[in-house]
């Protein structure tokens, strides 16, 4: 099967432009052939085994499966990550969050002392809900001397994330943890009642980051069908009546786990940006900043302990 044959085959379910882009991605990411290689006809020189694999990929694409799952690979910030349907496909917006952390995370200020700051040479970072490990591995690679821990509730996600850490050549500590049920919470205002007993604060981390589930069930109608059919609902959706469920739990934990002046970073649903900012303020977080993504949507928030 050639490039032209592949894109024409999948053009039955995609428009021509998207079909061509998907076919180019298959050849470039999975088989290492650039557009120049395709122009020179190197797509006709694949081995028998690669041709068989290409046929399997084409069959998966014909079902509407996202190309990243079909080839088992996704690009993220110039690196290639292994992905399977058990984890979300990394998005470019999430890499923007990593860039924000890398560019602003080396300087830490301290509450009540705006003139006092320190450069943190060895940062301890926690990524909650790591999925493929794209955030944890990127920060481990891009922040010198960072000590990165990553949590997920899913054993499958942790397996994939650990494989990606090995693939990229970084050290990340992976733990199976459920932020909603097995972490300590600090004392909070009455409007945020505690569900777990208090434990002494550990003040372990300089940065906590999370891209948690943030899409409400009622938003499904506006989503692409291949996302609904293939990407894990556990990592996507929250109840309509509690869109800040994971943010609240993580922010509570951050009050005990972050060092003074430590920072909390979230990827967010633009629909609830103001509500999240208000919630963090009520929980005594400060220096709260909302940042837009490349598409002009309010996509990230940062707060200091």
Protein backbone atom coordinates (compact mmCIF):
# COMPACT_ATOMS: atom_id res chain seq x y z
CA UNK A 1 0.00 0.00 0.00
CA UNK A 2 1.33 3.42 -0.99
CA UNK A 3 0.70 6.82 0.58
CA UNK A 4 -1.80 7.70 -2.15
CA UNK A 5 -3.62 4.42 -1.70
CA UNK A 6 -3.79 4.90 2.06
CA UNK A 7 -5.22 8.41 2.07
CA UNK A 8 -7.76 7.55 -0.63
CA UNK A 9 -8.88 4.54 1.37
CA UNK A 10 -9.49 6.53 4.56
CA UNK A 11 -11.01 9.45 2.62
CA UNK A 12 -14.26 7.48 2.85
CA UNK A 13 -14.55 8.63 6.49
CA UNK A 14 -12.42 11.81 6.46
CA UNK A 15 -12.28 14.70 4.01
CA UNK A 16 -9.37 14.67 1.58
CA UNK A 17 -7.23 17.17 3.50
CA UNK A 18 -7.58 15.35 6.81
CA UNK A 19 -7.07 11.97 5.16
CA UNK A 20 -3.80 13.17 3.61
CA UNK A 21 -2.60 14.59 6.94
CA UNK A 22 -3.38 11.31 8.72
CA UNK A 23 -1.60 9.28 6.03
CA UNK A 24 1.47 11.54 6.27
CA UNK A 25 1.48 11.07 10.03
CA UNK A 26 1.37 7.30 9.65
CA UNK A 27 4.36 7.25 7.32
CA UNK A 28 6.37 9.88 9.17
CA UNK A 29 5.81 8.87 12.81
CA UNK A 30 5.45 5.11 12.43
CA UNK A 31 7.78 4.40 9.50
CA UNK A 32 10.15 7.37 9.57
CA UNK A 33 9.39 8.62 6.05
CA UNK A 34 9.33 12.39 5.56
CA UNK A 35 7.18 14.17 2.94
CA UNK A 36 10.33 14.34 0.77
CA UNK A 37 10.72 10.57 1.09
CA UNK A 38 7.12 10.11 -0.01
CA UNK A 39 7.74 12.39 -3.02
CA UNK A 40 10.71 10.20 -3.96
CA UNK A 41 8.54 7.07 -3.80
CA UNK A 42 10.11 5.48 -0.74
CA UNK A 43 6.63 4.44 0.45
CA UNK A 44 6.88 1.66 -2.13
CA UNK A 45 10.02 0.28 -0.48
CA UNK A 46 8.60 -0.83 2.88
CA UNK A 47 9.52 -4.32 4.01
CA UNK A 48 7.00 -7.14 3.95
CA UNK A 49 6.52 -6.86 7.71
CA UNK A 50 5.99 -3.09 7.49
CA UNK A 51 3.51 -3.54 4.66
CA UNK A 52 1.56 -5.99 6.82
CA UNK A 53 1.61 -3.53 9.72
CA UNK A 54 0.46 -0.74 7.38
CA UNK A 55 -2.52 -2.83 6.30
CA UNK A 56 -3.45 -3.39 9.95
CA UNK A 57 -3.17 0.34 10.66
CA UNK A 58 -5.36 1.13 7.64
CA UNK A 59 -8.05 -1.25 8.86
CA UNK A 60 -8.06 0.42 12.27
CA UNK A 61 -8.25 3.87 10.71
CA UNK A 62 -11.25 2.75 8.64
CA UNK A 63 -13.18 2.16 11.87
CA UNK A 64 -12.64 5.77 12.91
CA UNK A 65 -9.99 4.96 15.52
CA UNK A 66 -7.70 7.97 16.13
CA UNK A 67 -4.47 7.70 14.19
CA UNK A 68 -2.37 7.99 17.35
CA UNK A 69 -3.93 4.81 18.74
CA UNK A 70 -3.72 3.04 15.38
CA UNK A 71 0.04 3.62 15.17
CA UNK A 72 0.58 3.48 18.93
CA UNK A 73 2.49 6.77 18.95
CA UNK A 74 1.79 10.47 19.54
CA UNK A 75 4.04 13.52 19.18
CA UNK A 76 4.23 15.80 22.20
CA UNK A 77 6.62 18.72 22.44
CA UNK A 78 9.05 17.24 19.95
CA UNK A 79 9.09 13.84 21.64
CA UNK A 80 7.29 10.64 20.68
CA UNK A 81 5.11 8.94 23.30
CA UNK A 82 3.53 5.51 23.21
CA UNK A 83 -0.26 5.67 23.54
CA UNK A 84 -3.06 3.12 23.76
CA UNK A 85 -6.81 3.54 24.30
CA UNK A 86 -6.20 3.29 28.05
CA UNK A 87 -4.76 6.83 28.12
CA UNK A 88 -5.68 10.17 26.60
CA UNK A 89 -3.93 11.25 23.43
CA UNK A 90 -1.58 14.12 24.43
CA UNK A 91 -2.76 17.49 23.11
CA UNK A 92 -0.64 20.47 21.99
CA UNK A 93 -2.39 22.65 24.59
CA UNK A 94 -1.05 20.43 27.36
CA UNK A 95 2.47 21.00 26.11
CA UNK A 96 1.81 24.73 26.51
CA UNK A 97 1.16 24.01 30.19
CA UNK A 98 4.54 22.26 30.44
CA UNK A 99 6.23 25.23 28.79
CA UNK A 100 4.61 27.61 31.28
CA UNK A 101 5.93 25.54 34.17
CA UNK A 102 9.41 25.28 32.70
CA UNK A 103 9.63 29.02 32.00
CA UNK A 104 8.25 30.23 35.34
CA UNK A 105 8.90 27.44 37.80
CA UNK A 106 12.50 28.15 38.77
CA UNK A 107 11.74 31.19 40.89
CA UNK A 108 9.69 30.76 44.07
CA UNK A 109 8.27 33.63 46.10
CA UNK A 110 7.04 33.36 49.68
CA UNK A 111 3.64 34.38 51.12
CA UNK A 112 3.73 37.61 53.07
CA UNK A 113 7.21 38.45 51.80
CA UNK A 114 6.84 39.70 48.20
CA UNK A 115 10.44 40.89 48.13
CA UNK A 116 11.81 37.52 49.17
CA UNK A 117 12.36 34.91 46.50
CA UNK A 118 14.66 32.02 45.85
CA UNK A 119 15.89 30.10 42.86
CA UNK A 120 15.00 26.44 43.37
CA UNK A 121 17.72 24.28 41.86
CA UNK A 122 16.26 20.85 42.59
CA UNK A 123 12.50 20.93 42.25
CA UNK A 124 10.19 18.22 43.50
CA UNK A 125 7.21 17.94 41.18
CA UNK A 126 4.00 15.92 41.45
CA UNK A 127 1.85 15.18 38.38
CA UNK A 128 -1.63 14.00 39.40
CA UNK A 129 -3.52 11.92 36.83
CA UNK A 130 -0.48 11.32 34.67
CA UNK A 131 -2.09 9.19 31.93
CA UNK A 132 0.54 8.62 29.25
CA UNK A 133 3.09 10.41 31.42
CA UNK A 134 3.49 13.21 28.88
CA UNK A 135 3.57 15.98 31.49
CA UNK A 136 5.74 14.13 34.01
CA UNK A 137 8.27 12.95 31.44
CA UNK A 138 8.47 16.34 29.73
CA UNK A 139 9.11 18.16 33.01
CA UNK A 140 11.67 15.54 34.06
CA UNK A 141 13.48 16.07 30.76
CA UNK A 142 13.24 19.87 30.58
CA UNK A 143 13.84 20.96 34.21
CA UNK A 144 17.41 20.28 35.36
CA UNK A 145 17.65 18.10 38.49
CA UNK A 146 13.86 17.80 38.83
CA UNK A 147 12.58 14.96 40.99
CA UNK A 148 9.23 13.99 39.47
CA UNK A 149 6.50 11.82 40.95
CA UNK A 150 3.40 10.88 38.96
CA UNK A 151 0.10 9.43 40.17
CA UNK A 152 -2.73 7.70 38.39
CA UNK A 153 -5.63 5.54 39.48
CA UNK A 154 -5.23 3.28 36.44
CA UNK A 155 -2.70 0.42 36.41
CA UNK A 156 -2.81 0.45 32.60
CA UNK A 157 -1.98 4.16 32.48
CA UNK A 158 0.93 3.69 34.88
CA UNK A 159 2.30 0.86 32.73
CA UNK A 160 2.17 3.05 29.63
CA UNK A 161 3.64 6.06 31.46
CA UNK A 162 6.54 3.98 32.81
CA UNK A 163 7.24 2.74 29.29
CA UNK A 164 7.34 6.33 28.07
CA UNK A 165 9.75 7.38 30.81
CA UNK A 166 12.07 4.59 29.69
CA UNK A 167 11.57 5.52 26.02
CA UNK A 168 12.50 9.17 26.67
CA UNK A 169 15.28 8.36 29.11
CA UNK A 170 14.03 10.10 32.25
CA UNK A 171 13.48 9.01 35.82
CA UNK A 172 9.95 9.40 37.18
CA UNK A 173 8.50 7.77 40.29
CA UNK A 174 5.06 6.32 39.43
CA UNK A 175 2.46 5.55 42.08
CA UNK A 176 -1.08 4.20 41.92
CA UNK A 177 -3.10 6.75 43.87
CA UNK A 178 -6.71 7.98 43.89
CA UNK A 179 -6.77 11.72 44.62
CA UNK A 180 -10.45 11.58 45.53
CA UNK A 181 -10.14 8.92 48.21
CA UNK A 182 -6.66 8.26 49.58
CA UNK A 183 -4.89 11.56 50.22
CA UNK A 184 -4.93 13.74 53.35
CA UNK A 185 -6.77 17.07 53.34
CA UNK A 186 -6.04 20.22 55.37
CA UNK A 187 -8.51 22.31 57.33
CA UNK A 188 -10.67 24.38 54.99
CA UNK A 189 -13.52 26.89 55.26
CA UNK A 190 -16.95 25.41 56.16
CA UNK A 191 -18.11 25.56 52.53
CA UNK A 192 -15.55 22.84 51.71
CA UNK A 193 -16.24 20.07 54.29
CA UNK A 194 -13.66 17.37 54.74
CA UNK A 195 -14.31 13.74 53.92
CA UNK A 196 -11.08 12.31 55.36
CA UNK A 197 -9.29 12.64 58.71
CA UNK A 198 -6.61 15.29 58.98
CA UNK A 199 -2.97 14.31 58.80
CA UNK A 200 0.02 16.56 59.48
CA UNK A 201 1.21 18.52 56.42
CA UNK A 202 4.18 17.04 54.59
CA UNK A 203 5.24 20.11 52.53
CA UNK A 204 7.02 17.83 50.11
CA UNK A 205 6.65 19.39 46.65
CA UNK A 206 7.63 22.62 44.91
CA UNK A 207 5.10 22.13 42.09
CA UNK A 208 1.89 20.15 41.72
CA UNK A 209 0.46 19.94 38.21
CA UNK A 210 -2.62 18.22 36.85
CA UNK A 211 -4.68 17.90 33.70
CA UNK A 212 -7.63 16.23 35.44
CA UNK A 213 -11.00 15.15 34.03
CA UNK A 214 -12.89 18.39 33.38
CA UNK A 215 -15.53 17.81 30.69
CA UNK A 216 -19.11 17.65 31.96
CA UNK A 217 -21.37 14.88 30.75
CA UNK A 218 -23.66 17.46 29.16
CA UNK A 219 -20.83 18.54 26.83
CA UNK A 220 -20.71 15.17 25.04
CA UNK A 221 -22.99 16.30 22.23
CA UNK A 222 -20.36 18.76 21.02
CA UNK A 223 -17.48 16.25 20.98
CA UNK A 224 -16.07 14.23 18.11
CA UNK A 225 -17.35 10.68 17.96
CA UNK A 226 -13.90 9.07 17.77
CA UNK A 227 -13.00 10.74 21.09
CA UNK A 228 -16.14 9.37 22.72
CA UNK A 229 -15.64 5.92 21.21
CA UNK A 230 -11.95 5.44 21.94
CA UNK A 231 -10.52 7.74 24.61
CA UNK A 232 -11.01 6.71 28.27
CA UNK A 233 -14.10 8.28 29.83
CA UNK A 234 -12.43 8.00 33.25
CA UNK A 235 -9.88 10.60 32.15
CA UNK A 236 -12.37 12.90 30.43
CA UNK A 237 -15.61 13.38 32.31
CA UNK A 238 -16.92 14.80 35.57
CA UNK A 239 -20.51 14.96 36.84
CA UNK A 240 -22.59 17.86 35.57
CA UNK A 241 -23.36 18.90 39.14
CA UNK A 242 -19.71 19.00 40.26
CA UNK A 243 -17.41 20.23 37.46
CA UNK A 244 -14.65 21.21 39.93
CA UNK A 245 -14.56 17.80 41.63
CA UNK A 246 -10.91 16.99 40.88
CA UNK A 247 -9.65 20.56 41.17
CA UNK A 248 -11.10 20.82 44.67
CA UNK A 249 -9.49 17.56 45.80
CA UNK A 250 -6.10 18.45 44.33
CA UNK A 251 -6.18 21.99 45.73
CA UNK A 252 -6.99 20.60 49.19
CA UNK A 253 -4.10 18.19 49.00
CA UNK A 254 -1.80 20.94 47.72
CA UNK A 255 -2.29 22.95 50.89
CA UNK A 256 -0.55 20.19 52.85
CA UNK A 257 1.81 18.85 50.20
CA UNK A 258 3.28 22.02 48.67
CA UNK A 259 6.13 23.86 50.33
CA UNK A 260 5.49 27.52 51.25
CA UNK A 261 5.59 29.48 48.01
CA UNK A 262 5.03 26.30 45.98
CA UNK A 263 2.84 26.44 42.90
CA UNK A 264 -0.23 24.64 41.66
CA UNK A 265 -0.80 24.36 37.90
CA UNK A 266 -3.95 23.09 36.17
CA UNK A 267 -5.23 22.61 32.68
CA UNK A 268 -8.85 23.76 32.85
CA UNK A 269 -12.23 23.84 31.16
CA UNK A 270 -12.72 27.44 29.96
CA UNK A 271 -16.39 27.24 30.96
CA UNK A 272 -15.41 27.05 34.63
CA UNK A 273 -12.33 29.28 34.73
CA UNK A 274 -13.97 31.98 36.86
CA UNK A 275 -15.56 29.45 39.23
CA UNK A 276 -12.21 27.72 39.71
CA UNK A 277 -10.42 31.01 40.39
CA UNK A 278 -13.05 31.90 43.00
CA UNK A 279 -12.76 28.49 44.63
CA UNK A 280 -8.97 28.70 44.87
CA UNK A 281 -9.21 32.18 46.36
CA UNK A 282 -11.66 30.97 49.01
CA UNK A 283 -9.23 28.19 49.87
CA UNK A 284 -6.50 30.81 50.56
CA UNK A 285 -4.47 30.26 47.40
CA UNK A 286 -2.94 33.50 46.14
CA UNK A 287 -1.24 35.00 43.06
CA UNK A 288 -3.87 33.24 40.97
CA UNK A 289 -3.32 33.64 37.22
CA UNK A 290 -5.38 32.36 34.29
CA UNK A 291 -3.59 31.89 30.97
CA UNK A 292 -4.99 31.44 27.46
CA UNK A 293 -3.88 28.70 25.09
CA UNK A 294 -2.76 29.20 21.49
CA UNK A 295 -6.40 29.28 20.40
CA UNK A 296 -7.31 32.15 22.74
CA UNK A 297 -9.23 30.00 25.22
CA UNK A 298 -8.75 30.24 28.99
CA UNK A 299 -6.99 26.90 29.35
CA UNK A 300 -4.59 27.06 32.31
CA UNK A 301 -4.48 28.38 35.84
CA UNK A 302 -1.62 28.87 38.29
CA UNK A 303 -1.83 29.53 42.03
CA UNK A 304 0.69 29.87 44.83
CA UNK A 305 0.48 28.41 48.31
